[in-house]
Amino acid sequence: AGSLNRKVLESLVAAGACDALGSRAAVFAGAGLALEHASSVHRERAMGQSSLFGGEGVDLAASTPPLPMVPDWTPRERAAREKEGLGFYLSEHPLMDLREQVAAIATHTLAEALELEDGAEVRLVGLVAEKRQIATKSGKLMGKVTLEDLSGRLECTLFSEPWERSRAVLEDDAIVVLNGKVERSTERPTQVLVQDARGWDHARLLYRPSLQLEMRAEDLSEERLKTIDEVLSGFPGDLDVCVTIVMPDHSRLAMRSRRCKVAQVEGVEAGLRERVPSCRVRWGKGMS
């Protein structure tokens, strides 16, 4: 017990080294009791008192205190404890269960963003792995943030105005959505210049996917509109339908349907392409 203090034991539990003993939450909560019990047994043996209970070969398991009855950690809590104890996520990344939601909002993974051309616009979703505030020569404050997702890491820079607007949501290990532009340079690693940052809960409502329909004005007819309505009504949901009409002079008239909201399922696209081939259809990223 002398070589294992409570902090070390709790770190081992959080990393999963003691999973065979019970749930991590219970073993973690009982770490202090376990060390006290071990110290007590050690002292008794050192003083020769263990002979009162049948000698050195006695089974001391019966006197071991039970683990506390506490709720188990959620996957997010378990991952956070691993990161705190080890410095990285071991068994499960917090974004693992959000992969589909992230893919519906992000335009690129971080690994993909690293391969884009200079000036490319991106919307990225990731964890704030590191951040630091920097004072410029003019005395203004800016920030550097290292974003992490399932594909890797990427450094992001926020100049004074975006940093002032966004730093409240850029907490350590927070899931955030960043909008910005890729900056490629021969003088420094590729980074993203961030224009704004939003917390995950806010962003996933703001950037929800929408069904994008596009048709030429000359292809519009009452029959085709009725067919589109029939297809969409078969997949009711809560996502917007946005319609763009391309006029003969190539101008575009965009509108959001007031009647139709749909679910994001494959049948919507397949049904429209089959029954209205002249209608271009795709799922857009959020407000696009």
C-alpha atoms as a PDB file:
ATOM      1  CA  ALA A   1       0.000   0.000   0.000  1.00  0.00           C
ATOM      2  CA  GLY A   2       2.985   2.263   0.595  1.00  0.00           C
ATOM      3  CA  SER A   3       3.894   2.321  -3.095  1.00  0.00           C
ATOM      4  CA  LEU A   4       0.347   2.847  -4.413  1.00  0.00           C
ATOM      5  CA  ASN A   5      -1.348   6.094  -3.492  1.00  0.00           C
ATOM      6  CA  ARG A   6      -4.953   6.998  -4.133  1.00  0.00           C
ATOM      7  CA  LYS A   7      -4.268   9.134  -7.212  1.00  0.00           C
ATOM      8  CA  VAL A   8      -2.323   6.337  -8.914  1.00  0.00           C
ATOM      9  CA  LEU A   9      -5.024   3.788  -8.082  1.00  0.00           C
ATOM     10  CA  GLU A  10      -7.792   6.051  -9.386  1.00  0.00           C
ATOM     11  CA  SER A  11      -5.826   6.590 -12.618  1.00  0.00           C
ATOM     12  CA  LEU A  12      -5.488   2.824 -13.054  1.00  0.00           C
ATOM     13  CA  VAL A  13      -9.205   2.349 -12.472  1.00  0.00           C
ATOM     14  CA  ALA A  14     -10.099   5.120 -14.926  1.00  0.00           C
ATOM     15  CA  ALA A  15      -7.828   3.519 -17.555  1.00  0.00           C
ATOM     16  CA  GLY A  16      -9.606   0.170 -17.205  1.00  0.00           C
ATOM     17  CA  ALA A  17      -6.817  -1.728 -15.425  1.00  0.00           C
ATOM     18  CA  CYS A  18      -9.229  -2.845 -12.678  1.00  0.00           C
ATOM     19  CA  ASP A  19     -12.278  -3.701 -14.805  1.00  0.00           C
ATOM     20  CA  ALA A  20     -12.184  -7.327 -13.589  1.00  0.00           C
ATOM     21  CA  LEU A  21     -13.058  -6.114 -10.082  1.00  0.00           C
ATOM     22  CA  GLY A  22     -16.367  -4.466 -11.005  1.00  0.00           C
ATOM     23  CA  SER A  23     -17.754  -1.360 -12.660  1.00  0.00           C
ATOM     24  CA  ARG A  24     -15.264   1.481 -12.992  1.00  0.00           C
ATOM     25  CA  ALA A  25     -17.536   3.889 -11.139  1.00  0.00           C
ATOM     26  CA  ALA A  26     -17.846   1.579  -8.121  1.00  0.00           C
ATOM     27  CA  VAL A  27     -14.146   0.657  -7.995  1.00  0.00           C
ATOM     28  CA  PHE A  28     -13.197   4.330  -8.433  1.00  0.00           C
ATOM     29  CA  ALA A  29     -15.551   5.381  -5.606  1.00  0.00           C
ATOM     30  CA  GLY A  30     -14.147   2.614  -3.391  1.00  0.00           C
ATOM     31  CA  ALA A  31     -10.473   3.348  -4.065  1.00  0.00           C
ATOM     32  CA  GLY A  32     -10.015   5.165  -0.782  1.00  0.00           C
ATOM     33  CA  LEU A  33     -11.687   2.393   1.241  1.00  0.00           C
ATOM     34  CA  ALA A  34      -9.589  -0.236  -0.520  1.00  0.00           C
ATOM     35  CA  LEU A  35      -6.344   1.550   0.321  1.00  0.00           C
ATOM     36  CA  GLU A  36      -7.410   2.034   3.949  1.00  0.00           C
ATOM     37  CA  HIS A  37      -8.270  -1.668   4.201  1.00  0.00           C
ATOM     38  CA  ALA A  38      -4.953  -2.680   2.636  1.00  0.00           C
ATOM     39  CA  SER A  39      -3.070  -0.413   5.030  1.00  0.00           C
ATOM     40  CA  SER A  40      -4.926  -1.883   7.980  1.00  0.00           C
ATOM     41  CA  VAL A  41      -4.126  -5.466   6.930  1.00  0.00           C
ATOM     42  CA  HIS A  42      -0.491  -4.508   6.367  1.00  0.00           C
ATOM     43  CA  ARG A  43      -0.235  -2.983   9.832  1.00  0.00           C
ATOM     44  CA  GLU A  44      -1.840  -6.014  11.481  1.00  0.00           C
ATOM     45  CA  ARG A  45       0.539  -8.389   9.763  1.00  0.00           C
ATOM     46  CA  ALA A  46       3.501  -6.216  10.729  1.00  0.00           C
ATOM     47  CA  MET A  47       2.398  -6.287  14.391  1.00  0.00           C
ATOM     48  CA  GLY A  48       1.753 -10.026  14.380  1.00  0.00           C
ATOM     49  CA  GLN A  49      -1.959  -9.590  15.107  1.00  0.00           C
ATOM     50  CA  SER A  50      -3.050 -11.702  12.143  1.00  0.00           C
ATOM     51  CA  SER A  51      -2.392 -14.826  14.301  1.00  0.00           C
ATOM     52  CA  LEU A  52      -5.533 -13.963  16.268  1.00  0.00           C
ATOM     53  CA  PHE A  53      -7.559 -14.817  13.175  1.00  0.00           C
ATOM     54  CA  GLY A  54      -5.936 -18.140  12.361  1.00  0.00           C
ATOM     55  CA  GLY A  55      -2.382 -17.378  11.309  1.00  0.00           C
ATOM     56  CA  GLU A  56      -0.733 -16.056   8.173  1.00  0.00           C
ATOM     57  CA  GLY A  57      -2.721 -18.307   5.830  1.00  0.00           C
ATOM     58  CA  VAL A  58      -6.124 -16.835   6.735  1.00  0.00           C
ATOM     59  CA  ASP A  59      -8.358 -15.684   3.888  1.00  0.00           C
ATOM     60  CA  LEU A  60      -8.833 -11.967   4.413  1.00  0.00           C
ATOM     61  CA  ALA A  61     -11.338 -11.605   1.547  1.00  0.00           C
ATOM     62  CA  ALA A  62     -14.231 -12.017   3.936  1.00  0.00           C
ATOM     63  CA  SER A  63     -13.265  -8.836   5.738  1.00  0.00           C
ATOM     64  CA  THR A  64     -12.826  -6.818   2.560  1.00  0.00           C
ATOM     65  CA  PRO A  65     -15.311  -3.908   2.490  1.00  0.00           C
ATOM     66  CA  PRO A  66     -17.907  -4.080  -0.319  1.00  0.00           C
ATOM     67  CA  LEU A  67     -17.766  -1.663  -3.233  1.00  0.00           C
ATOM     68  CA  PRO A  68     -20.001   1.417  -2.929  1.00  0.00           C
ATOM     69  CA  MET A  69     -23.355   1.281  -4.724  1.00  0.00           C
ATOM     70  CA  VAL A  70     -23.025   4.091  -7.251  1.00  0.00           C
ATOM     71  CA  PRO A  71     -24.401   4.616 -10.791  1.00  0.00           C
ATOM     72  CA  ASP A  72     -22.072   3.416 -13.521  1.00  0.00           C
ATOM     73  CA  TRP A  73     -20.334   5.986 -15.707  1.00  0.00           C
ATOM     74  CA  THR A  74     -21.865   6.881 -19.028  1.00  0.00           C
ATOM     75  CA  PRO A  75     -19.685   6.237 -22.119  1.00  0.00           C
ATOM     76  CA  ARG A  76     -18.914   9.976 -22.242  1.00  0.00           C
ATOM     77  CA  GLU A  77     -17.899  10.033 -18.565  1.00  0.00           C
ATOM     78  CA  ARG A  78     -15.794   6.885 -19.005  1.00  0.00           C
ATOM     79  CA  ALA A  79     -13.972   8.412 -21.961  1.00  0.00           C
ATOM     80  CA  ALA A  80     -13.382  11.665 -20.081  1.00  0.00           C
ATOM     81  CA  ARG A  81     -11.900   9.766 -17.110  1.00  0.00           C
ATOM     82  CA  GLU A  82      -9.570   7.864 -19.446  1.00  0.00           C
ATOM     83  CA  LYS A  83      -8.397  11.092 -21.030  1.00  0.00           C
ATOM     84  CA  GLU A  84      -7.828  12.659 -17.609  1.00  0.00           C
ATOM     85  CA  GLY A  85      -5.834   9.698 -16.342  1.00  0.00           C
ATOM     86  CA  LEU A  86      -3.876   8.776 -19.479  1.00  0.00           C
ATOM     87  CA  GLY A  87      -3.794  11.939 -21.552  1.00  0.00           C
ATOM     88  CA  PHE A  88      -5.641  10.242 -24.432  1.00  0.00           C
ATOM     89  CA  TYR A  89      -8.821   8.265 -25.139  1.00  0.00           C
ATOM     90  CA  LEU A  90      -8.176   4.519 -24.827  1.00  0.00           C
ATOM     91  CA  SER A  91     -11.332   2.430 -25.259  1.00  0.00           C
ATOM     92  CA  GLU A  92     -13.820   4.801 -26.850  1.00  0.00           C
ATOM     93  CA  HIS A  93     -13.553   8.255 -28.382  1.00  0.00           C
ATOM     94  CA  PRO A  94     -16.409  10.619 -27.403  1.00  0.00           C
ATOM     95  CA  LEU A  95     -17.189  11.179 -31.093  1.00  0.00           C
ATOM     96  CA  MET A  96     -17.588   7.453 -31.835  1.00  0.00           C
ATOM     97  CA  ASP A  97     -21.317   7.340 -31.084  1.00  0.00           C
ATOM     98  CA  LEU A  98     -21.869  10.643 -32.923  1.00  0.00           C
ATOM     99  CA  ARG A  99     -20.308   9.605 -36.232  1.00  0.00           C
ATOM    100  CA  GLU A 100     -23.527   9.840 -38.263  1.00  0.00           C
ATOM    101  CA  GLN A 101     -24.516  13.184 -36.738  1.00  0.00           C
ATOM    102  CA  VAL A 102     -21.022  14.566 -37.279  1.00  0.00           C
ATOM    103  CA  ALA A 103     -21.010  13.410 -40.918  1.00  0.00           C
ATOM    104  CA  ALA A 104     -24.310  15.200 -41.483  1.00  0.00           C
ATOM    105  CA  ILE A 105     -22.892  18.511 -40.259  1.00  0.00           C
ATOM    106  CA  ALA A 106     -19.170  18.539 -41.092  1.00  0.00           C
ATOM    107  CA  THR A 107     -18.105  19.182 -44.669  1.00  0.00           C
ATOM    108  CA  HIS A 108     -14.813  17.352 -44.105  1.00  0.00           C
ATOM    109  CA  THR A 109     -12.980  15.289 -41.521  1.00  0.00           C
ATOM    110  CA  LEU A 110      -9.821  16.873 -40.149  1.00  0.00           C
ATOM    111  CA  ALA A 111      -7.676  14.521 -42.234  1.00  0.00           C
ATOM    112  CA  GLU A 112      -9.576  15.546 -45.371  1.00  0.00           C
ATOM    113  CA  ALA A 113      -9.260  19.239 -44.508  1.00  0.00           C
ATOM    114  CA  LEU A 114      -5.478  18.861 -44.350  1.00  0.00           C
ATOM    115  CA  GLU A 115      -5.484  17.843 -48.021  1.00  0.00           C
ATOM    116  CA  LEU A 116      -7.606  20.734 -49.329  1.00  0.00           C
ATOM    117  CA  GLU A 117      -6.320  23.661 -51.356  1.00  0.00           C
ATOM    118  CA  ASP A 118      -5.521  27.029 -49.828  1.00  0.00           C
ATOM    119  CA  GLY A 119      -8.669  29.065 -49.171  1.00  0.00           C
ATOM    120  CA  ALA A 120     -11.085  26.121 -49.187  1.00  0.00           C
ATOM    121  CA  GLU A 121     -14.082  26.693 -46.927  1.00  0.00           C
ATOM    122  CA  VAL A 122     -14.765  24.035 -44.305  1.00  0.00           C
ATOM    123  CA  ARG A 123     -17.114  23.222 -41.469  1.00  0.00           C
ATOM    124  CA  LEU A 124     -15.357  20.983 -38.959  1.00  0.00           C
ATOM    125  CA  VAL A 125     -16.584  19.039 -35.945  1.00  0.00           C
ATOM    126  CA  GLY A 126     -14.196  17.910 -33.239  1.00  0.00           C
ATOM    127  CA  LEU A 127     -13.045  17.986 -29.651  1.00  0.00           C
ATOM    128  CA  VAL A 128     -11.009  20.852 -28.247  1.00  0.00           C
ATOM    129  CA  ALA A 129      -7.803  18.963 -27.432  1.00  0.00           C
ATOM    130  CA  GLU A 130      -5.681  22.028 -26.617  1.00  0.00           C
ATOM    131  CA  LYS A 131      -6.090  25.784 -26.616  1.00  0.00           C
ATOM    132  CA  ARG A 132      -4.039  28.822 -25.780  1.00  0.00           C
ATOM    133  CA  GLN A 133      -4.524  32.560 -25.831  1.00  0.00           C
ATOM    134  CA  ILE A 134      -1.949  34.807 -27.501  1.00  0.00           C
ATOM    135  CA  ALA A 135      -1.409  38.564 -27.230  1.00  0.00           C
ATOM    136  CA  THR A 136      -0.562  40.232 -30.539  1.00  0.00           C
ATOM    137  CA  LYS A 137       1.958  43.063 -30.938  1.00  0.00           C
ATOM    138  CA  SER A 138      -0.925  45.525 -30.974  1.00  0.00           C
ATOM    139  CA  GLY A 139      -2.160  44.204 -27.643  1.00  0.00           C
ATOM    140  CA  LYS A 140      -5.191  42.340 -29.008  1.00  0.00           C
ATOM    141  CA  LEU A 141      -5.948  38.759 -27.971  1.00  0.00           C
ATOM    142  CA  MET A 142      -6.231  35.810 -30.366  1.00  0.00           C
ATOM    143  CA  GLY A 143      -6.409  32.073 -29.879  1.00  0.00           C
ATOM    144  CA  LYS A 144      -4.901  28.821 -31.090  1.00  0.00           C
ATOM    145  CA  VAL A 145      -6.991  25.665 -30.828  1.00  0.00           C
ATOM    146  CA  THR A 146      -6.035  22.077 -31.597  1.00  0.00           C
ATOM    147  CA  LEU A 147      -9.108  20.236 -32.835  1.00  0.00           C
ATOM    148  CA  GLU A 148      -9.349  16.433 -32.697  1.00  0.00           C
ATOM    149  CA  ASP A 149     -11.702  13.997 -34.408  1.00  0.00           C
ATOM    150  CA  LEU A 150     -11.628  10.283 -35.284  1.00  0.00           C
ATOM    151  CA  SER A 151      -9.298  10.972 -38.223  1.00  0.00           C
ATOM    152  CA  GLY A 152      -6.634  13.046 -36.472  1.00  0.00           C
ATOM    153  CA  ARG A 153      -5.769  16.546 -35.271  1.00  0.00           C
ATOM    154  CA  LEU A 154      -5.640  19.991 -36.863  1.00  0.00           C
ATOM    155  CA  GLU A 155      -4.499  23.376 -35.584  1.00  0.00           C
ATOM    156  CA  CYS A 156      -6.961  26.230 -35.883  1.00  0.00           C
ATOM    157  CA  THR A 157      -6.346  29.954 -35.462  1.00  0.00           C
ATOM    158  CA  LEU A 158      -8.900  32.516 -34.304  1.00  0.00           C
ATOM    159  CA  PHE A 159      -7.998  36.156 -34.754  1.00  0.00           C
ATOM    160  CA  SER A 160      -9.172  38.738 -32.244  1.00  0.00           C
ATOM    161  CA  GLU A 161     -12.834  39.157 -33.256  1.00  0.00           C
ATOM    162  CA  PRO A 162     -13.650  35.436 -33.765  1.00  0.00           C
ATOM    163  CA  TRP A 163     -11.723  34.611 -30.590  1.00  0.00           C
ATOM    164  CA  GLU A 164     -13.663  37.136 -28.533  1.00  0.00           C
ATOM    165  CA  ARG A 165     -16.975  35.838 -29.892  1.00  0.00           C
ATOM    166  CA  SER A 166     -16.163  32.165 -29.589  1.00  0.00           C
ATOM    167  CA  ARG A 167     -13.787  31.473 -26.719  1.00  0.00           C
ATOM    168  CA  ALA A 168     -16.627  30.813 -24.256  1.00  0.00           C
ATOM    169  CA  VAL A 169     -17.570  27.621 -26.139  1.00  0.00           C
ATOM    170  CA  LEU A 170     -13.975  26.474 -26.663  1.00  0.00           C
ATOM    171  CA  GLU A 171     -13.670  24.620 -23.365  1.00  0.00           C
ATOM    172  CA  ASP A 172     -11.220  21.734 -22.995  1.00  0.00           C
ATOM    173  CA  ASP A 173     -12.692  18.468 -24.392  1.00  0.00           C
ATOM    174  CA  ALA A 174     -15.833  20.288 -25.588  1.00  0.00           C
ATOM    175  CA  ILE A 175     -17.349  19.148 -28.880  1.00  0.00           C
ATOM    176  CA  VAL A 176     -17.479  22.169 -31.175  1.00  0.00           C
ATOM    177  CA  VAL A 177     -18.303  23.084 -34.768  1.00  0.00           C
ATOM    178  CA  LEU A 178     -15.888  25.467 -36.482  1.00  0.00           C
ATOM    179  CA  ASN A 179     -16.423  27.343 -39.748  1.00  0.00           C
ATOM    180  CA  GLY A 180     -13.380  28.713 -41.539  1.00  0.00           C
ATOM    181  CA  LYS A 181     -10.904  28.548 -44.392  1.00  0.00           C
ATOM    182  CA  VAL A 182      -7.887  26.337 -44.955  1.00  0.00           C
ATOM    183  CA  GLU A 183      -4.533  28.111 -44.988  1.00  0.00           C
ATOM    184  CA  ARG A 184      -1.665  26.310 -46.707  1.00  0.00           C
ATOM    185  CA  SER A 185       1.820  27.775 -46.464  1.00  0.00           C
ATOM    186  CA  THR A 186       5.383  26.679 -47.062  1.00  0.00           C
ATOM    187  CA  GLU A 187       6.355  28.425 -43.830  1.00  0.00           C
ATOM    188  CA  ARG A 188       4.053  26.580 -41.399  1.00  0.00           C
ATOM    189  CA  PRO A 189       1.844  23.475 -41.164  1.00  0.00           C
ATOM    190  CA  THR A 190      -1.599  23.620 -42.774  1.00  0.00           C
ATOM    191  CA  GLN A 191      -4.156  25.201 -40.473  1.00  0.00           C
ATOM    192  CA  VAL A 192      -7.712  26.537 -40.519  1.00  0.00           C
ATOM    193  CA  LEU A 193      -8.475  30.218 -39.975  1.00  0.00           C
ATOM    194  CA  VAL A 194     -11.701  30.079 -37.981  1.00  0.00           C
ATOM    195  CA  GLN A 195     -14.454  32.593 -38.619  1.00  0.00           C
ATOM    196  CA  ASP A 196     -16.850  31.335 -35.946  1.00  0.00           C
ATOM    197  CA  ALA A 197     -17.224  28.501 -33.443  1.00  0.00           C
ATOM    198  CA  ARG A 198     -20.359  27.018 -31.946  1.00  0.00           C
ATOM    199  CA  GLY A 199     -21.053  24.478 -29.228  1.00  0.00           C
ATOM    200  CA  TRP A 200     -22.306  21.065 -30.346  1.00  0.00           C
ATOM    201  CA  ASP A 201     -25.843  21.307 -28.947  1.00  0.00           C
ATOM    202  CA  HIS A 202     -26.445  24.660 -30.637  1.00  0.00           C
ATOM    203  CA  ALA A 203     -24.740  23.724 -33.902  1.00  0.00           C
ATOM    204  CA  ARG A 204     -26.548  20.447 -34.493  1.00  0.00           C
ATOM    205  CA  LEU A 205     -29.834  22.341 -34.457  1.00  0.00           C
ATOM    206  CA  LEU A 206     -28.533  25.234 -36.556  1.00  0.00           C
ATOM    207  CA  TYR A 207     -26.822  23.072 -39.164  1.00  0.00           C
ATOM    208  CA  ARG A 208     -29.366  20.313 -39.515  1.00  0.00           C
ATOM    209  CA  PRO A 209     -29.370  18.699 -42.978  1.00  0.00           C
ATOM    210  CA  SER A 210     -32.006  19.815 -45.453  1.00  0.00           C
ATOM    211  CA  LEU A 211     -33.270  18.174 -48.626  1.00  0.00           C
ATOM    212  CA  GLN A 212     -32.162  20.238 -51.629  1.00  0.00           C
ATOM    213  CA  LEU A 213     -34.285  20.049 -54.794  1.00  0.00           C
ATOM    214  CA  GLU A 214     -33.342  21.799 -58.017  1.00  0.00           C
ATOM    215  CA  MET A 215     -35.394  22.042 -61.236  1.00  0.00           C
ATOM    216  CA  ARG A 216     -35.327  24.101 -64.403  1.00  0.00           C
ATOM    217  CA  ALA A 217     -38.333  26.386 -64.790  1.00  0.00           C
ATOM    218  CA  GLU A 218     -39.205  24.804 -68.147  1.00  0.00           C
ATOM    219  CA  ASP A 219     -39.472  21.368 -66.488  1.00  0.00           C
ATOM    220  CA  LEU A 220     -42.041  22.513 -63.937  1.00  0.00           C
ATOM    221  CA  SER A 221     -45.586  21.304 -64.344  1.00  0.00           C
ATOM    222  CA  GLU A 222     -48.572  20.743 -62.109  1.00  0.00           C
ATOM    223  CA  GLU A 223     -48.216  16.994 -62.577  1.00  0.00           C
ATOM    224  CA  ARG A 224     -44.536  16.956 -61.588  1.00  0.00           C
ATOM    225  CA  LEU A 225     -45.186  19.119 -58.529  1.00  0.00           C
ATOM    226  CA  LYS A 226     -47.971  16.747 -57.493  1.00  0.00           C
ATOM    227  CA  THR A 227     -45.643  13.771 -57.905  1.00  0.00           C
ATOM    228  CA  ILE A 228     -42.944  15.454 -55.798  1.00  0.00           C
ATOM    229  CA  ASP A 229     -45.504  16.144 -53.102  1.00  0.00           C
ATOM    230  CA  GLU A 230     -46.611  12.491 -53.148  1.00  0.00           C
ATOM    231  CA  VAL A 231     -43.059  11.238 -52.719  1.00  0.00           C
ATOM    232  CA  LEU A 232     -42.200  13.649 -49.917  1.00  0.00           C
ATOM    233  CA  SER A 233     -45.427  12.967 -48.018  1.00  0.00           C
ATOM    234  CA  GLY A 234     -44.376   9.313 -47.823  1.00  0.00           C
ATOM    235  CA  PHE A 235     -41.358  10.192 -45.652  1.00  0.00           C
ATOM    236  CA  PRO A 236     -42.611  12.608 -42.991  1.00  0.00           C
ATOM    237  CA  GLY A 237     -40.006  14.061 -40.643  1.00  0.00           C
ATOM    238  CA  ASP A 238     -38.680  17.314 -39.213  1.00  0.00           C
ATOM    239  CA  LEU A 239     -36.073  18.343 -41.805  1.00  0.00           C
ATOM    240  CA  ASP A 240     -36.593  21.232 -44.222  1.00  0.00           C
ATOM    241  CA  VAL A 241     -37.101  20.902 -47.964  1.00  0.00           C
ATOM    242  CA  CYS A 242     -35.406  23.651 -49.996  1.00  0.00           C
ATOM    243  CA  VAL A 243     -36.333  24.158 -53.647  1.00  0.00           C
ATOM    244  CA  THR A 244     -34.226  26.016 -56.222  1.00  0.00           C
ATOM    245  CA  ILE A 245     -35.737  26.914 -59.607  1.00  0.00           C
ATOM    246  CA  VAL A 246     -33.269  27.694 -62.384  1.00  0.00           C
ATOM    247  CA  MET A 247     -34.762  30.351 -64.643  1.00  0.00           C
ATOM    248  CA  PRO A 248     -34.193  30.549 -68.439  1.00  0.00           C
ATOM    249  CA  ASP A 249     -31.702  33.389 -67.924  1.00  0.00           C
ATOM    250  CA  HIS A 250     -29.799  31.122 -65.484  1.00  0.00           C
ATOM    251  CA  SER A 251     -30.835  33.144 -62.441  1.00  0.00           C
ATOM    252  CA  ARG A 252     -31.888  31.051 -59.476  1.00  0.00           C
ATOM    253  CA  LEU A 253     -34.967  31.361 -57.294  1.00  0.00           C
ATOM    254  CA  ALA A 254     -34.567  29.613 -53.953  1.00  0.00           C
ATOM    255  CA  MET A 255     -37.327  28.962 -51.438  1.00  0.00           C
ATOM    256  CA  ARG A 256     -38.007  26.805 -48.409  1.00  0.00           C
ATOM    257  CA  SER A 257     -41.142  24.669 -48.475  1.00  0.00           C
ATOM    258  CA  ARG A 258     -43.763  25.673 -45.915  1.00  0.00           C
ATOM    259  CA  ARG A 259     -45.745  22.470 -46.338  1.00  0.00           C
ATOM    260  CA  CYS A 260     -43.211  19.660 -46.470  1.00  0.00           C
ATOM    261  CA  LYS A 261     -40.747  18.380 -43.901  1.00  0.00           C
ATOM    262  CA  VAL A 262     -39.051  15.033 -44.366  1.00  0.00           C
ATOM    263  CA  ALA A 263     -36.944  12.379 -42.660  1.00  0.00           C
ATOM    264  CA  GLN A 264     -33.369  11.727 -43.793  1.00  0.00           C
ATOM    265  CA  VAL A 265     -33.765   8.271 -45.303  1.00  0.00           C
ATOM    266  CA  GLU A 266     -32.546   6.793 -48.589  1.00  0.00           C
ATOM    267  CA  GLY A 267     -36.056   6.338 -49.953  1.00  0.00           C
ATOM    268  CA  VAL A 268     -36.587  10.064 -50.383  1.00  0.00           C
ATOM    269  CA  GLU A 269     -33.781  10.513 -52.914  1.00  0.00           C
ATOM    270  CA  ALA A 270     -34.466   7.217 -54.695  1.00  0.00           C
ATOM    271  CA  GLY A 271     -38.184   7.958 -54.987  1.00  0.00           C
ATOM    272  CA  LEU A 272     -37.668  11.419 -56.447  1.00  0.00           C
ATOM    273  CA  ARG A 273     -35.009  10.288 -58.920  1.00  0.00           C
ATOM    274  CA  GLU A 274     -37.235   7.456 -60.117  1.00  0.00           C
ATOM    275  CA  ARG A 275     -40.471   9.394 -60.458  1.00  0.00           C
ATOM    276  CA  VAL A 276     -39.133  12.865 -61.331  1.00  0.00           C
ATOM    277  CA  PRO A 277     -35.856  12.352 -63.246  1.00  0.00           C
ATOM    278  CA  SER A 278     -35.654  16.044 -64.182  1.00  0.00           C
ATOM    279  CA  CYS A 279     -35.401  17.008 -60.498  1.00  0.00           C
ATOM    280  CA  ARG A 280     -31.902  17.113 -59.026  1.00  0.00           C
ATOM    281  CA  VAL A 281     -31.922  16.019 -55.392  1.00  0.00           C
ATOM    282  CA  ARG A 282     -29.327  15.870 -52.631  1.00  0.00           C
ATOM    283  CA  TRP A 283     -28.974  16.277 -48.895  1.00  0.00           C
ATOM    284  CA  GLY A 284     -27.350  19.597 -48.092  1.00  0.00           C
ATOM    285  CA  LYS A 285     -25.127  20.366 -45.124  1.00  0.00           C
ATOM    286  CA  GLY A 286     -27.245  22.260 -42.668  1.00  0.00           C
ATOM    287  CA  MET A 287     -28.284  25.688 -43.896  1.00  0.00           C
ATOM    288  CA  SER A 288     -26.900  25.185 -47.419  1.00  0.00           C
END
